[in-house]
């Protein structure tokens, strides 16, 4: 059975039809998970034409994974300009598959859902929260309030009408976007966490100044709150704490954030190392650090923090999304609260015994997100959607009785 999968991620497509990405988390290995249940995956995504792959890019298509490229539109006006072409591609894509999986929130997923027959089964995988995405501090646009209302409402409807729902959180996203009472519902993270990514023992040694903080996240938007982290570090340094920050990730706000570090007098303390090309390079940076900090403005379930926990790192998060499912209340700060984050960083770094306890707990908690555990849940979800789709196809193949008036 062929399955159509939508994603909000952006890709490059070469002349030979292969799909590439600069983000290892959406490379071929990720999409091949669907092949545990389906025969072929049709990946409906926005893609830009390129002649050759750039250094560090990973292939996303391959055996069993077929790209269905859409124009790489950005923003409302480009969306409107490409609307009819996008609709045409979506209708053709739906006609060429049997099953449908929507990774949402995503406007592509919304267009696919609206193009489906009313009775046609589909599964949704809820990976984020538009209510937080379009919060005032997280997104700057004159239409932000309208976007927030519309996309939140749309996601609620998509979950209510879906045949099956899967969430990256255990309960956080489910509260705002509940499934239909009759639908199959489960939860599993999108993370890839093999046994080799875990340290064998938690951290027992006492960190020594200068302390190294690390954060991992895109700089394409300010969802991960790098500006808040920089300002909090400035406060800590002013109070006499000797520390430095390594930020892994790249995007259009990098230069603006580098200017912010200069303005705060932190140029020698903050390092933006960009998008690293391999998981091994990320692990090296995590292992060199003393504390992981991610005070996000919006999240589903933060994969980066789970990866840090698997390395035994003490972690600080914010009170959005699924952080509360990973960390204790005393390890969480309100979003956009510089003073609270600075206080929490200082409070933890000066207490090595507390850091050792956090390390042990995080390593134990991360075990719940091992590949073998999550794969079982994923396969049950995929199989449920496949089975309901097969039932629907079988019903469609039977001739329907004519209704006559007496």
Protein backbone atom coordinates (compact mmCIF):
# COMPACT_ATOMS: atom_id res chain seq x y z
CA UNK A 1 0.00 0.00 0.00
CA UNK A 2 1.23 3.50 -0.89
CA UNK A 3 1.02 6.29 1.69
CA UNK A 4 1.06 10.07 1.23
CA UNK A 5 2.99 11.86 4.00
CA UNK A 6 3.01 15.64 4.38
CA UNK A 7 5.62 17.74 6.14
CA UNK A 8 6.25 21.45 6.74
CA UNK A 9 10.03 20.93 6.37
CA UNK A 10 11.72 22.40 3.29
CA UNK A 11 13.97 20.48 0.94
CA UNK A 12 16.13 20.74 -2.17
CA UNK A 13 15.34 18.68 -5.26
CA UNK A 14 17.98 17.91 -7.87
CA UNK A 15 17.56 17.43 -11.62
CA UNK A 16 17.64 13.67 -11.15
CA UNK A 17 14.55 13.92 -8.89
CA UNK A 18 16.32 13.13 -5.61
CA UNK A 19 15.35 15.04 -2.48
CA UNK A 20 17.97 16.49 -0.10
CA UNK A 21 18.01 18.28 3.24
CA UNK A 22 20.42 20.18 5.47
CA UNK A 23 18.57 18.82 8.52
CA UNK A 24 19.65 15.25 9.41
CA UNK A 25 16.44 14.74 11.41
CA UNK A 26 14.39 14.59 8.17
CA UNK A 27 16.79 12.58 6.04
CA UNK A 28 16.00 9.21 4.44
CA UNK A 29 16.39 7.29 7.70
CA UNK A 30 13.48 9.21 9.24
CA UNK A 31 11.02 8.69 6.35
CA UNK A 32 11.97 5.03 5.95
CA UNK A 33 10.17 4.33 9.24
CA UNK A 34 6.91 4.29 7.32
CA UNK A 35 8.24 1.37 5.27
CA UNK A 36 7.85 -0.83 8.35
CA UNK A 37 4.15 -0.95 7.39
CA UNK A 38 3.76 0.64 3.94
CA UNK A 39 5.19 -0.41 0.58
CA UNK A 40 5.93 3.08 -0.72
CA UNK A 41 6.00 6.59 0.77
CA UNK A 42 5.03 9.61 -1.33
CA UNK A 43 6.55 12.63 0.44
CA UNK A 44 4.59 15.84 -0.24
CA UNK A 45 6.84 18.78 0.64
CA UNK A 46 8.06 22.17 -0.55
CA UNK A 47 11.30 21.92 -2.48
CA UNK A 48 13.71 24.25 -4.29
CA UNK A 49 15.51 23.15 -7.45
CA UNK A 50 19.31 22.75 -7.12
CA UNK A 51 21.95 21.46 -9.50
CA UNK A 52 24.06 19.62 -6.93
CA UNK A 53 23.76 18.88 -3.20
CA UNK A 54 25.66 21.23 -0.89
CA UNK A 55 28.33 19.97 1.54
CA UNK A 56 26.74 18.36 4.58
CA UNK A 57 23.35 17.75 2.96
CA UNK A 58 21.66 14.40 3.46
CA UNK A 59 19.45 12.57 0.98
CA UNK A 60 15.78 12.28 2.00
CA UNK A 61 14.46 10.20 -0.89
CA UNK A 62 15.63 6.75 -1.93
CA UNK A 63 14.35 3.21 -2.08
CA UNK A 64 10.64 3.31 -1.22
CA UNK A 65 10.59 7.11 -0.66
CA UNK A 66 9.24 9.09 -3.63
CA UNK A 67 9.31 12.92 -3.61
CA UNK A 68 6.18 14.85 -4.58
CA UNK A 69 7.61 18.39 -4.76
CA UNK A 70 5.56 21.54 -4.25
CA UNK A 71 6.71 25.09 -5.06
CA UNK A 72 8.84 26.42 -2.21
CA UNK A 73 6.51 29.31 -1.41
CA UNK A 74 7.00 31.49 1.67
CA UNK A 75 4.44 33.72 3.31
CA UNK A 76 0.86 34.62 2.48
CA UNK A 77 1.49 36.31 -0.88
CA UNK A 78 3.65 33.56 -2.37
CA UNK A 79 1.11 31.04 -1.11
CA UNK A 80 -1.68 32.89 -2.92
CA UNK A 81 0.41 33.14 -6.08
CA UNK A 82 1.07 29.39 -6.12
CA UNK A 83 -2.33 28.30 -4.78
CA UNK A 84 -3.78 26.73 -7.95
CA UNK A 85 -0.56 24.89 -8.79
CA UNK A 86 -0.31 23.56 -5.24
CA UNK A 87 -3.95 22.39 -5.31
CA UNK A 88 -3.38 20.59 -8.59
CA UNK A 89 -0.32 18.75 -7.26
CA UNK A 90 -2.20 17.80 -4.09
CA UNK A 91 -5.17 16.35 -6.02
CA UNK A 92 -2.81 14.31 -8.18
CA UNK A 93 -0.86 13.15 -5.13
CA UNK A 94 -4.02 11.96 -3.34
CA UNK A 95 -5.13 10.07 -6.45
CA UNK A 96 -1.81 8.20 -6.60
CA UNK A 97 -1.92 6.71 -3.07
CA UNK A 98 -4.20 4.74 -0.82
CA UNK A 99 -3.30 5.85 2.74
CA UNK A 100 -2.77 9.39 4.08
CA UNK A 101 -0.66 10.61 7.00
CA UNK A 102 -0.55 14.33 7.90
CA UNK A 103 2.32 15.64 10.01
CA UNK A 104 0.74 18.76 11.50
CA UNK A 105 0.51 21.70 12.14
CA UNK A 106 1.24 22.35 8.48
CA UNK A 107 -0.73 24.25 5.85
CA UNK A 108 0.08 21.51 3.32
CA UNK A 109 -1.54 18.96 5.60
CA UNK A 110 -4.55 21.24 5.96
CA UNK A 111 -4.96 21.49 2.18
CA UNK A 112 -4.68 17.72 1.81
CA UNK A 113 -7.30 17.14 4.50
CA UNK A 114 -9.75 19.53 2.82
CA UNK A 115 -9.20 17.72 -0.48
CA UNK A 116 -10.06 14.26 0.88
CA UNK A 117 -13.44 12.59 0.47
CA UNK A 118 -15.50 12.95 3.64
CA UNK A 119 -15.39 9.24 4.42
CA UNK A 120 -11.71 8.68 3.60
CA UNK A 121 -9.57 7.62 6.60
CA UNK A 122 -6.42 9.54 7.49
CA UNK A 123 -3.96 9.69 10.35
CA UNK A 124 -2.49 12.82 11.94
CA UNK A 125 0.81 13.15 13.75
CA UNK A 126 0.74 16.25 15.97
CA UNK A 127 4.28 17.56 16.37
CA UNK A 128 3.76 21.18 17.50
CA UNK A 129 1.37 23.78 18.86
CA UNK A 130 0.34 26.74 16.67
CA UNK A 131 -1.05 28.53 19.72
CA UNK A 132 2.52 28.85 21.01
CA UNK A 133 4.08 29.25 17.56
CA UNK A 134 2.04 32.42 17.01
CA UNK A 135 2.45 33.82 20.52
CA UNK A 136 3.30 37.56 20.59
CA UNK A 137 6.95 37.09 21.57
CA UNK A 138 7.56 34.15 19.21
CA UNK A 139 6.24 35.45 15.88
CA UNK A 140 6.30 38.95 14.43
CA UNK A 141 3.67 39.68 11.78
CA UNK A 142 0.71 42.07 11.53
CA UNK A 143 -1.61 39.09 10.94
CA UNK A 144 -0.21 37.12 13.89
CA UNK A 145 -3.47 37.14 15.98
CA UNK A 146 -5.47 35.89 12.99
CA UNK A 147 -2.90 33.20 12.24
CA UNK A 148 -2.97 32.08 15.86
CA UNK A 149 -6.76 31.77 15.92
CA UNK A 150 -7.03 30.13 12.51
CA UNK A 151 -4.26 27.51 12.81
CA UNK A 152 -5.23 26.57 16.37
CA UNK A 153 -8.83 26.05 15.29
CA UNK A 154 -7.74 24.13 12.20
CA UNK A 155 -5.55 21.75 14.21
CA UNK A 156 -8.38 21.09 16.65
CA UNK A 157 -10.69 20.19 13.76
CA UNK A 158 -8.09 17.99 12.08
CA UNK A 159 -7.62 15.98 15.28
CA UNK A 160 -11.37 15.66 15.82
CA UNK A 161 -11.96 14.36 12.30
CA UNK A 162 -8.95 12.03 12.04
CA UNK A 163 -9.24 8.26 12.03
CA UNK A 164 -6.15 7.99 14.22
CA UNK A 165 -4.04 10.53 16.11
CA UNK A 166 -0.46 10.36 17.32
CA UNK A 167 1.11 13.07 19.47
CA UNK A 168 4.74 13.71 20.31
CA UNK A 169 3.66 14.42 23.90
CA UNK A 170 2.07 12.09 26.41
CA UNK A 171 -0.64 14.58 27.40
CA UNK A 172 0.33 18.25 26.80
CA UNK A 173 -0.81 18.60 23.17
CA UNK A 174 -3.76 16.28 23.78
CA UNK A 175 -5.30 18.75 26.21
CA UNK A 176 -5.51 21.54 23.62
CA UNK A 177 -6.08 19.30 20.59
CA UNK A 178 -8.07 16.28 21.80
CA UNK A 179 -8.72 13.32 19.50
CA UNK A 180 -12.14 12.07 18.49
CA UNK A 181 -13.51 9.77 21.19
CA UNK A 182 -13.82 6.95 18.64
CA UNK A 183 -10.37 7.42 17.08
CA UNK A 184 -7.27 5.39 17.82
CA UNK A 185 -4.85 7.60 19.73
CA UNK A 186 -1.28 7.12 20.87
CA UNK A 187 1.92 9.08 21.50
CA UNK A 188 5.52 8.78 20.40
CA UNK A 189 8.34 11.22 19.84
CA UNK A 190 9.91 11.72 16.39
CA UNK A 191 13.35 11.30 17.93
CA UNK A 192 15.87 8.73 16.72
CA UNK A 193 17.70 7.53 19.84
CA UNK A 194 19.63 4.28 19.43
CA UNK A 195 21.39 2.61 22.33
CA UNK A 196 24.73 3.97 21.11
CA UNK A 197 23.56 7.54 21.84
CA UNK A 198 23.33 6.85 25.59
CA UNK A 199 26.15 7.25 28.07
CA UNK A 200 26.57 4.27 30.36
CA UNK A 201 26.87 6.30 33.57
CA UNK A 202 25.55 9.62 34.81
CA UNK A 203 27.85 12.55 35.59
CA UNK A 204 29.42 12.50 39.03
CA UNK A 205 32.37 14.87 38.66
CA UNK A 206 32.10 18.45 39.87
CA UNK A 207 32.06 20.99 37.00
CA UNK A 208 34.79 23.62 37.07
CA UNK A 209 34.59 27.24 35.89
CA UNK A 210 34.36 28.45 33.24
CA UNK A 211 31.10 26.52 33.01
CA UNK A 212 29.90 25.59 29.52
CA UNK A 213 26.25 25.93 28.61
CA UNK A 214 24.89 24.45 25.40
CA UNK A 215 21.70 24.84 23.42
CA UNK A 216 20.59 23.22 20.17
CA UNK A 217 17.98 24.75 17.88
CA UNK A 218 17.24 26.54 14.65
CA UNK A 219 17.88 30.25 14.33
CA UNK A 220 15.45 30.58 11.43
CA UNK A 221 12.88 31.79 13.96
CA UNK A 222 13.27 32.79 17.60
CA UNK A 223 11.13 29.90 18.86
CA UNK A 224 14.03 28.48 20.89
CA UNK A 225 14.58 31.86 22.61
CA UNK A 226 18.31 32.35 21.92
CA UNK A 227 17.87 36.04 22.70
CA UNK A 228 16.59 35.15 26.17
CA UNK A 229 19.56 32.84 26.75
CA UNK A 230 22.04 35.56 25.74
CA UNK A 231 20.45 38.13 28.03
CA UNK A 232 20.35 35.64 30.93
CA UNK A 233 24.05 34.86 30.49
CA UNK A 234 24.82 38.58 30.56
CA UNK A 235 23.13 38.82 33.97
CA UNK A 236 25.00 35.76 35.28
CA UNK A 237 28.35 37.21 34.15
CA UNK A 238 27.54 40.57 35.73
CA UNK A 239 26.92 38.70 38.98
CA UNK A 240 30.37 37.09 38.81
CA UNK A 241 29.58 33.69 37.29
CA UNK A 242 32.27 32.53 34.83
CA UNK A 243 30.49 30.77 31.96
CA UNK A 244 30.25 30.44 28.20
CA UNK A 245 27.58 29.33 25.71
CA UNK A 246 27.75 27.10 22.64
CA UNK A 247 24.72 27.36 20.32
CA UNK A 248 24.30 24.58 17.75
CA UNK A 249 22.04 25.61 14.88
CA UNK A 250 21.82 28.15 12.10
CA UNK A 251 19.34 30.50 10.45
CA UNK A 252 18.53 34.04 9.40
CA UNK A 253 18.70 35.46 12.95
CA UNK A 254 22.32 34.40 13.49
CA UNK A 255 23.83 37.80 12.61
CA UNK A 256 21.29 39.64 14.72
CA UNK A 257 22.09 37.40 17.68
CA UNK A 258 25.83 37.81 17.19
CA UNK A 259 25.29 41.57 17.31
CA UNK A 260 23.32 41.08 20.52
CA UNK A 261 26.25 39.23 22.13
CA UNK A 262 28.59 42.07 21.17
CA UNK A 263 26.23 44.63 22.64
CA UNK A 264 26.13 42.61 25.88
CA UNK A 265 29.93 42.27 25.92
CA UNK A 266 29.74 38.49 25.43
CA UNK A 267 31.54 38.03 22.11
CA UNK A 268 34.26 35.90 23.70
CA UNK A 269 31.76 33.91 25.76
CA UNK A 270 29.14 32.95 23.15
CA UNK A 271 29.93 30.71 20.18
CA UNK A 272 27.48 30.07 17.31
CA UNK A 273 28.85 26.93 15.69
CA UNK A 274 26.13 26.59 13.05
CA UNK A 275 24.45 23.43 11.77
CA UNK A 276 26.72 20.48 12.49
CA UNK A 277 26.97 17.83 9.78
CA UNK A 278 26.68 14.69 11.89
CA UNK A 279 25.13 13.35 15.03
CA UNK A 280 28.61 12.49 16.30
CA UNK A 281 29.64 16.16 16.16
CA UNK A 282 26.56 17.17 18.17
CA UNK A 283 27.32 14.49 20.76
CA UNK A 284 30.88 15.81 21.15
CA UNK A 285 29.53 19.28 21.92
CA UNK A 286 27.01 17.88 24.42
CA UNK A 287 29.70 15.88 26.20
CA UNK A 288 31.88 18.98 26.60
CA UNK A 289 29.07 20.98 28.21
CA UNK A 290 28.01 21.24 31.86
CA UNK A 291 24.38 22.36 31.44
CA UNK A 292 21.80 22.24 28.63
CA UNK A 293 19.53 25.30 28.38
CA UNK A 294 16.43 25.58 26.17
CA UNK A 295 13.84 28.15 27.36
CA UNK A 296 11.67 27.74 24.23
CA UNK A 297 8.72 29.93 23.38
CA UNK A 298 6.97 26.99 21.72
CA UNK A 299 7.56 23.24 21.55
CA UNK A 300 5.92 19.94 20.91
CA UNK A 301 8.24 17.55 22.71
CA UNK A 302 11.79 18.94 22.45
CA UNK A 303 13.95 16.26 20.85
CA UNK A 304 17.15 18.21 21.53
CA UNK A 305 16.62 18.07 25.25
CA UNK A 306 15.96 14.30 25.18
CA UNK A 307 19.23 13.84 23.27
CA UNK A 308 21.01 15.89 25.95
CA UNK A 309 19.38 13.83 28.70
CA UNK A 310 20.67 10.65 27.05
CA UNK A 311 24.19 12.07 27.49
CA UNK A 312 23.52 12.63 31.20
CA UNK A 313 23.38 16.42 30.94
CA UNK A 314 21.47 18.46 33.55
CA UNK A 315 18.83 20.49 31.68
CA UNK A 316 16.71 23.62 32.01
CA UNK A 317 13.54 24.08 29.95
CA UNK A 318 10.48 26.31 29.80
CA UNK A 319 6.85 25.80 30.77
CA UNK A 320 5.56 25.27 27.21
CA UNK A 321 4.73 22.13 25.25
CA UNK A 322 5.98 18.84 26.64
CA UNK A 323 8.84 20.08 28.86
CA UNK A 324 6.86 19.16 31.97
CA UNK A 325 6.83 15.54 30.76
CA UNK A 326 10.63 15.50 30.80
CA UNK A 327 11.81 17.80 33.61
CA UNK A 328 10.83 18.51 37.21
CA UNK A 329 9.03 21.78 38.03
CA UNK A 330 12.17 23.15 39.68
CA UNK A 331 14.05 22.72 36.38
CA UNK A 332 11.55 24.78 34.38
CA UNK A 333 11.23 28.55 33.93
CA UNK A 334 8.47 30.69 32.35
CA UNK A 335 9.06 31.56 28.67
CA UNK A 336 10.49 35.03 27.95
CA UNK A 337 11.59 35.48 31.57
CA UNK A 338 15.26 36.50 31.48
CA UNK A 339 15.58 37.06 35.22
CA UNK A 340 14.12 33.64 36.09
CA UNK A 341 16.42 31.88 33.63
CA UNK A 342 19.50 33.69 34.94
CA UNK A 343 18.56 32.80 38.51
CA UNK A 344 17.96 29.15 37.57
CA UNK A 345 21.31 28.87 35.77
CA UNK A 346 23.17 30.28 38.78
CA UNK A 347 21.17 28.18 41.22
CA UNK A 348 22.06 24.94 39.45
CA UNK A 349 25.69 25.59 38.51
CA UNK A 350 26.74 26.41 42.07
CA UNK A 351 25.23 23.15 43.37
CA UNK A 352 27.28 20.19 42.04
CA UNK A 353 25.34 17.66 44.13
CA UNK A 354 22.09 18.82 42.55
CA UNK A 355 23.66 18.57 39.08
CA UNK A 356 24.70 14.98 39.77
CA UNK A 357 21.13 14.09 40.79
CA UNK A 358 19.74 15.81 37.68
CA UNK A 359 22.20 13.92 35.49
CA UNK A 360 21.15 10.53 36.88
CA UNK A 361 17.45 11.30 36.63
CA UNK A 362 17.74 12.61 33.06
CA UNK A 363 19.65 9.56 31.89
CA UNK A 364 16.99 7.30 33.38
CA UNK A 365 14.12 9.37 31.91
CA UNK A 366 15.65 9.30 28.43
CA UNK A 367 15.42 5.50 28.43
CA UNK A 368 11.68 5.91 27.77
CA UNK A 369 12.52 7.32 24.32
CA UNK A 370 14.71 4.49 23.05
CA UNK A 371 14.12 3.46 19.45
CA UNK A 372 12.84 0.00 20.33
CA UNK A 373 10.11 1.43 22.60
CA UNK A 374 8.93 4.16 20.21
CA UNK A 375 8.98 1.86 17.18
CA UNK A 376 6.34 -0.42 18.70
CA UNK A 377 3.94 2.51 19.16
CA UNK A 378 4.64 3.90 15.71
CA UNK A 379 3.96 0.60 14.02
CA UNK A 380 0.64 0.14 15.82
CA UNK A 381 -0.41 3.61 14.68
CA UNK A 382 0.69 3.06 11.07
CA UNK A 383 -0.95 -0.36 10.98
CA UNK A 384 -4.23 1.00 12.32
CA UNK A 385 -4.40 3.65 9.59
CA UNK A 386 -3.48 1.04 6.97
CA UNK A 387 -6.17 -1.37 8.18
CA UNK A 388 -8.90 1.30 8.21
CA UNK A 389 -7.78 2.43 4.76
CA UNK A 390 -8.01 -1.13 3.44
CA UNK A 391 -11.53 -1.45 4.84
CA UNK A 392 -12.50 1.82 3.15
CA UNK A 393 -11.03 0.72 -0.18
CA UNK A 394 -12.84 -2.60 0.04
CA UNK A 395 -16.14 -0.83 0.73
CA UNK A 396 -15.56 1.55 -2.18
CA UNK A 397 -15.06 -1.38 -4.56
CA UNK A 398 -18.50 -2.85 -3.81
CA UNK A 399 -21.39 -1.59 -5.97
CA UNK A 400 -23.69 0.54 -3.84
CA UNK A 401 -27.42 -0.31 -3.88
CA UNK A 402 -29.69 2.13 -5.67
CA UNK A 403 -32.37 3.82 -3.59
CA UNK A 404 -35.72 4.08 -5.31
CA UNK A 405 -38.77 6.02 -4.25
CA UNK A 406 -41.98 4.08 -3.73
